[in-house]
Amino acid sequence: MQKDLIRNIKPFDNNYTVITTNAIDCLHDSIEILETKEGMLSDDGYTFNNLVNLMGLRQEWQDNEIDEVCQRYECSFNKDDSEVICKDGNVIYFIQCLTAVEAHVLAKKLRWDILNGYN
């Protein structure tokens, strides 16, 4: 049985709405999205924080590569705020973008481990 993509939508202060999805990230957390009143979507730096600060993958995270991945999904990476954004508000593309960014960074780590003989 397929579940709905959106689990919950709730206002967050006067400027944002938090969209909680049933999609999960690489830490098996629900993907949460901030939506501005103008309809722009943001991960509020969550993807960067997970991969770089929590998982220690700074070497694998390259801002220009991340932005290239994001552009495939009509999104972008705002390096000033370390956030992935989608200006047109397409939730499906945004979730695909976040997942692709995670896959890109994790694949670089796996490749590095294989080339250097780590398991």
Foldseek 3Di string as FASTA:
>chain_A
DDDDQWDDWADDPPFWIKTFGPDAAPVRGTQIWIAGPQQKIKSQLPLVCCVCVVVPLPVLDDQVVLQVLLVVLQWGADVVRNMIMHNNNDPVSVSVSSRSSRVSSVVVVVVVCVVVVHD
